[in-house]
Amino acid sequence: MRKVIIGVIMLCILHIPAETQNPFSTETVFGDPQKFIKPVPLTSVREADMVWSMRVWRVINFKEKRNLPFYYPTEATDGRWSFMQMILKGMEYNLITPYQDEEFLKPIDFKQLMASLEVTDTFEVIDLDTGLPVQKAITKKLNPEDIYQIRIKEDWYIDKQKSCLEVRILGICPVLLVKDNNDNVKGNMPMFWINFEQARLLFANVKTFNPYNDATKLSYDDIFMKRYFSSYIIKKSNVYNRYISQYKTGIDAMLESEQIKDDIFNTELDLWEN
């Protein structure tokens, strides 16, 4: 009798619908958070336990080899989405709220945001009826492939209860590179900020490529929480509230970025040496 019951249970497990196992098998599931896998909650930290902290801003460039899972696939395939495809879909289905500021005080309407990012180009073409040149306007919508940088705002701190150095990501800001008519980069334009804590539910349910094991897929939440990315620091909290690029250039800016990184880890080492 026991063998029969076990056999029935195994049959039920094997016949679980694929949609339950893959919450993003279709686009429509973006609008059904009930099927989401909840991310592992972060442990609470008391302000009194933070004996030291530093706020830094980083840049992740998707074109770097280690960061390629952020940029590909350029078209959703095999249940995988690129980072910006996921962000845009998440905002469309009201799973993520975009903000104008990094303090998350001024929300932006998604439709207004997308309209503001549209670019209208004017071309001169020949009218086939009159043979005269006329101006024709073409509106270009935002393409996720044009975005391959994001900024991260995070806090590094030492928790005296755990006796270790920890980090918490606070927000993420996609950066659009502005180009001229010759396709040369003129500068960059921060687009909007998203609250990382709010976005974790979506991040945990979108899979990306795992370069080390095809049998185990990584989610974007795994990438951020386990620090599976390459980045460089562009700013730390300072009295002038300025970026490194405002007082260092070229190789000096790179060395300053590395120096800030070393200072963070050396702070923990110096704490125990004293």
Protein backbone atom coordinates (compact mmCIF):
# COMPACT_ATOMS: atom_id res chain seq x y z
CA MET A 1 0.00 0.00 0.00
CA ARG A 2 2.85 2.37 0.88
CA LYS A 3 4.49 1.76 -2.54
CA VAL A 4 1.23 2.63 -4.30
CA ILE A 5 0.91 5.94 -2.40
CA ILE A 6 4.53 6.87 -3.15
CA GLY A 7 3.98 6.05 -6.83
CA VAL A 8 0.93 8.32 -6.98
CA ILE A 9 2.86 11.18 -5.33
CA MET A 10 5.71 10.81 -7.83
CA LEU A 11 3.27 10.92 -10.74
CA CYS A 12 1.73 14.13 -9.38
CA ILE A 13 5.17 15.73 -9.06
CA LEU A 14 6.13 14.75 -12.60
CA HIS A 15 2.93 16.25 -13.98
CA ILE A 16 3.38 19.72 -12.46
CA PRO A 17 2.77 22.24 -15.27
CA ALA A 18 5.95 23.74 -16.76
CA GLU A 19 4.58 27.23 -16.18
CA THR A 20 4.81 26.72 -12.42
CA GLN A 21 8.48 25.83 -12.66
CA ASN A 22 9.29 28.63 -15.11
CA PRO A 23 7.46 31.79 -13.97
CA PHE A 24 8.61 33.70 -17.07
CA SER A 25 7.62 31.24 -19.81
CA THR A 26 5.46 33.96 -21.39
CA GLU A 27 5.37 37.75 -21.25
CA THR A 28 1.93 37.72 -19.65
CA VAL A 29 3.38 36.26 -16.45
CA PHE A 30 5.04 39.64 -15.80
CA GLY A 31 1.61 40.77 -14.67
CA ASP A 32 1.12 37.86 -12.23
CA PRO A 33 3.38 38.35 -9.19
CA GLN A 34 1.59 35.47 -7.43
CA LYS A 35 3.78 33.04 -9.41
CA PHE A 36 7.02 34.75 -8.47
CA ILE A 37 9.76 33.10 -6.46
CA LYS A 38 10.47 35.33 -3.46
CA PRO A 39 14.12 36.34 -2.99
CA VAL A 40 15.95 35.52 0.22
CA PRO A 41 15.23 38.41 2.60
CA LEU A 42 18.13 40.49 3.85
CA THR A 43 18.97 40.46 7.52
CA SER A 44 18.00 43.56 9.45
CA VAL A 45 20.77 45.88 10.60
CA ARG A 46 20.51 48.24 13.54
CA GLU A 47 22.03 51.65 13.04
CA ALA A 48 23.74 51.31 16.42
CA ASP A 49 25.59 48.22 15.16
CA MET A 50 27.13 50.06 12.19
CA VAL A 51 30.49 51.22 13.57
CA TRP A 52 31.70 52.43 10.15
CA SER A 53 30.10 53.02 6.74
CA MET A 54 30.92 54.52 3.35
CA ARG A 55 28.59 55.23 0.44
CA VAL A 56 29.98 54.70 -3.06
CA TRP A 57 28.70 54.87 -6.62
CA ARG A 58 29.88 52.35 -9.23
CA VAL A 59 29.57 51.81 -12.98
CA ILE A 60 28.95 48.41 -14.55
CA ASN A 61 29.85 48.32 -18.24
CA PHE A 62 27.95 45.53 -20.03
CA LYS A 63 30.60 45.35 -22.76
CA GLU A 64 33.20 43.97 -20.35
CA LYS A 65 33.64 40.22 -20.65
CA ARG A 66 32.42 39.37 -17.15
CA ASN A 67 29.34 41.57 -17.57
CA LEU A 68 28.14 40.15 -20.90
CA PRO A 69 25.21 38.28 -19.22
CA PHE A 70 23.71 41.74 -18.55
CA TYR A 71 23.66 42.62 -22.25
CA TYR A 72 22.71 39.32 -23.91
CA PRO A 73 20.47 37.94 -25.30
CA THR A 74 19.45 40.95 -27.39
CA GLU A 75 16.11 39.18 -27.96
CA ALA A 76 14.35 37.22 -25.23
CA THR A 77 15.07 33.53 -25.69
CA ASP A 78 14.98 30.32 -23.64
CA GLY A 79 13.36 32.16 -20.73
CA ARG A 80 16.27 34.63 -20.56
CA TRP A 81 16.06 38.41 -20.88
CA SER A 82 18.76 41.04 -21.06
CA PHE A 83 18.94 43.37 -18.09
CA MET A 84 17.36 46.36 -19.85
CA GLN A 85 14.63 44.23 -21.46
CA MET A 86 13.74 43.06 -17.97
CA ILE A 87 13.77 46.60 -16.53
CA LEU A 88 11.52 48.02 -19.27
CA LYS A 89 9.07 45.11 -18.99
CA GLY A 90 9.06 45.40 -15.21
CA MET A 91 8.15 49.09 -15.40
CA GLU A 92 5.51 48.40 -18.05
CA TYR A 93 3.78 45.90 -15.74
CA ASN A 94 4.18 48.17 -12.67
CA LEU A 95 6.59 45.82 -10.94
CA ILE A 96 9.28 48.53 -10.79
CA THR A 97 8.80 52.23 -10.16
CA PRO A 98 11.23 54.61 -11.92
CA TYR A 99 12.32 57.73 -10.01
CA GLN A 100 13.85 61.01 -11.08
CA ASP A 101 16.22 61.13 -8.10
CA GLU A 102 18.41 58.62 -6.33
CA GLU A 103 16.57 59.23 -3.06
CA PHE A 104 13.41 57.69 -4.59
CA LEU A 105 11.20 60.68 -3.77
CA LYS A 106 9.97 61.68 -7.27
CA PRO A 107 8.34 58.80 -9.20
CA ILE A 108 8.00 59.01 -12.98
CA ASP A 109 5.09 57.78 -15.06
CA PHE A 110 6.30 54.99 -17.37
CA LYS A 111 4.53 56.29 -20.50
CA GLN A 112 5.85 59.80 -19.96
CA LEU A 113 9.34 58.42 -19.38
CA MET A 114 9.33 56.43 -22.62
CA ALA A 115 7.96 59.41 -24.55
CA SER A 116 10.74 61.63 -23.20
CA LEU A 117 13.37 59.15 -24.39
CA GLU A 118 12.10 59.08 -27.97
CA VAL A 119 14.34 60.80 -30.53
CA THR A 120 12.99 62.45 -33.68
CA ASP A 121 15.33 62.74 -36.66
CA THR A 122 14.58 64.77 -39.80
CA PHE A 123 15.74 63.55 -43.21
CA GLU A 124 15.56 65.11 -46.64
CA VAL A 125 13.91 62.84 -49.22
CA ILE A 126 12.69 63.29 -52.78
CA ASP A 127 8.93 63.42 -53.28
CA LEU A 128 8.11 60.93 -56.05
CA ASP A 129 5.11 63.00 -57.21
CA THR A 130 6.77 66.41 -57.47
CA GLY A 131 10.45 65.46 -57.66
CA LEU A 132 11.25 68.10 -55.03
CA PRO A 133 13.13 67.53 -51.75
CA VAL A 134 10.92 67.40 -48.65
CA GLN A 135 11.62 66.97 -44.95
CA LYS A 136 10.51 63.72 -43.35
CA ALA A 137 10.52 63.13 -39.59
CA ILE A 138 11.19 59.67 -38.15
CA THR A 139 10.67 58.96 -34.46
CA LYS A 140 13.05 56.44 -32.94
CA LYS A 141 11.96 54.69 -29.77
CA LEU A 142 14.31 53.63 -27.02
CA ASN A 143 16.23 50.48 -27.90
CA PRO A 144 17.48 48.38 -24.93
CA GLU A 145 20.60 47.56 -26.97
CA ASP A 146 21.65 51.23 -26.82
CA ILE A 147 22.07 51.00 -23.03
CA TYR A 148 25.13 49.14 -21.83
CA GLN A 149 26.01 50.94 -18.63
CA ILE A 150 24.35 51.16 -15.22
CA ARG A 151 25.28 53.01 -12.07
CA ILE A 152 24.96 51.40 -8.66
CA LYS A 153 24.56 53.23 -5.38
CA GLU A 154 25.60 51.14 -2.40
CA ASP A 155 26.62 51.31 1.26
CA TRP A 156 29.62 49.48 2.68
CA TYR A 157 29.56 49.08 6.46
CA ILE A 158 31.05 47.13 9.36
CA ASP A 159 28.52 45.34 11.56
CA LYS A 160 29.93 44.92 15.05
CA GLN A 161 27.42 42.17 15.86
CA LYS A 162 28.67 40.02 12.96
CA SER A 163 32.23 41.38 13.09
CA CYS A 164 32.45 41.64 9.31
CA LEU A 165 32.35 44.03 6.38
CA GLU A 166 29.09 43.96 4.40
CA VAL A 167 27.52 45.81 1.48
CA ARG A 168 23.95 46.79 0.61
CA ILE A 169 22.93 47.95 -2.85
CA LEU A 170 20.46 50.83 -2.60
CA GLY A 171 19.64 51.82 -6.16
CA ILE A 172 20.39 51.25 -9.84
CA CYS A 173 20.46 53.84 -12.62
CA PRO A 174 20.64 52.91 -16.34
CA VAL A 175 22.88 55.27 -18.31
CA LEU A 176 22.22 56.16 -21.94
CA LEU A 177 25.30 57.05 -23.97
CA VAL A 178 24.72 60.18 -26.08
CA LYS A 179 26.25 60.02 -29.57
CA ASP A 180 26.71 62.54 -32.35
CA ASN A 181 25.89 62.10 -36.06
CA ASN A 182 29.18 60.23 -36.60
CA ASP A 183 28.30 57.71 -33.87
CA ASN A 184 30.94 59.13 -31.52
CA VAL A 185 30.11 59.18 -27.81
CA LYS A 186 29.67 62.76 -26.55
CA GLY A 187 28.70 61.93 -23.00
CA ASN A 188 26.27 59.96 -20.91
CA MET A 189 22.78 60.67 -19.59
CA PRO A 190 21.44 59.05 -16.41
CA MET A 191 17.89 57.96 -17.28
CA PHE A 192 16.13 57.10 -14.02
CA TRP A 193 16.68 55.40 -10.67
CA ILE A 194 15.06 52.23 -9.37
CA ASN A 195 14.92 51.04 -5.77
CA PHE A 196 16.97 47.84 -5.54
CA GLU A 197 14.94 46.42 -2.66
CA GLN A 198 11.72 46.84 -4.63
CA ALA A 199 13.25 45.35 -7.78
CA ARG A 200 14.63 42.22 -6.08
CA LEU A 201 11.34 40.34 -6.56
CA LEU A 202 11.65 40.79 -10.31
CA PHE A 203 15.41 40.16 -10.36
CA ALA A 204 14.99 36.84 -8.55
CA ASN A 205 12.59 35.57 -11.22
CA VAL A 206 14.49 36.45 -14.38
CA LYS A 207 17.23 34.02 -15.34
CA THR A 208 20.44 34.92 -17.09
CA PHE A 209 23.34 32.97 -18.54
CA ASN A 210 25.62 31.07 -16.17
CA PRO A 211 29.07 30.84 -17.84
CA TYR A 212 30.18 28.12 -15.42
CA ASN A 213 27.29 25.63 -15.45
CA ASP A 214 24.38 25.27 -17.90
CA ALA A 215 22.53 23.02 -15.45
CA THR A 216 22.26 25.80 -12.87
CA LYS A 217 20.90 29.11 -14.10
CA LEU A 218 21.60 32.34 -12.29
CA SER A 219 19.04 35.04 -11.63
CA TYR A 220 19.87 38.74 -11.72
CA ASP A 221 19.38 38.75 -7.96
CA ASP A 222 22.13 36.12 -7.69
CA ILE A 223 24.47 38.26 -9.80
CA PHE A 224 24.00 41.33 -7.61
CA MET A 225 23.92 39.60 -4.24
CA LYS A 226 26.94 37.37 -5.00
CA ARG A 227 28.80 40.21 -6.75
CA TYR A 228 29.23 38.34 -10.05
CA PHE A 229 30.12 41.51 -11.96
CA SER A 230 33.01 43.79 -12.79
CA SER A 231 32.78 47.49 -11.93
CA TYR A 232 34.72 50.60 -11.02
CA ILE A 233 34.01 53.36 -8.51
CA ILE A 234 33.12 56.82 -9.83
CA LYS A 235 32.27 58.54 -6.55
CA LYS A 236 32.36 58.18 -2.80
CA SER A 237 30.57 60.26 -0.19
CA ASN A 238 32.49 63.51 0.28
CA VAL A 239 31.97 67.03 1.56
CA TYR A 240 31.98 68.50 -1.97
CA ASN A 241 29.53 65.86 -3.34
CA ARG A 242 31.67 65.58 -6.46
CA TYR A 243 32.60 62.68 -8.74
CA ILE A 244 36.15 61.47 -9.27
CA SER A 245 36.03 62.83 -12.82
CA GLN A 246 35.64 66.35 -11.39
CA TYR A 247 39.08 66.36 -9.77
CA LYS A 248 40.98 63.52 -11.49
CA THR A 249 41.36 62.59 -15.15
CA GLY A 250 42.82 59.73 -17.18
CA ILE A 251 45.03 57.27 -15.34
CA ASP A 252 44.80 59.35 -12.16
CA ALA A 253 41.04 58.80 -12.06
CA MET A 254 41.53 55.04 -12.40
CA LEU A 255 44.11 55.01 -9.62
CA GLU A 256 41.78 57.05 -7.40
CA SER A 257 39.00 54.52 -8.00
CA GLU A 258 41.29 51.64 -7.02
CA GLN A 259 42.48 53.57 -3.96
CA ILE A 260 38.92 53.98 -2.69
CA LYS A 261 38.35 50.24 -3.20
CA ASP A 262 41.50 49.44 -1.21
CA ASP A 263 40.54 51.87 1.56
CA ILE A 264 37.23 50.04 2.06
CA PHE A 265 38.84 46.65 2.58
CA ASN A 266 41.79 48.02 4.55
CA THR A 267 39.37 49.64 6.99
CA GLU A 268 38.14 46.19 8.03
CA LEU A 269 41.69 44.87 8.39
CA ASP A 270 42.81 47.88 10.42
CA LEU A 271 39.82 47.46 12.74
CA TRP A 272 40.98 44.02 13.90
CA GLU A 273 44.67 44.97 14.03
CA ASN A 274 43.88 47.71 16.51
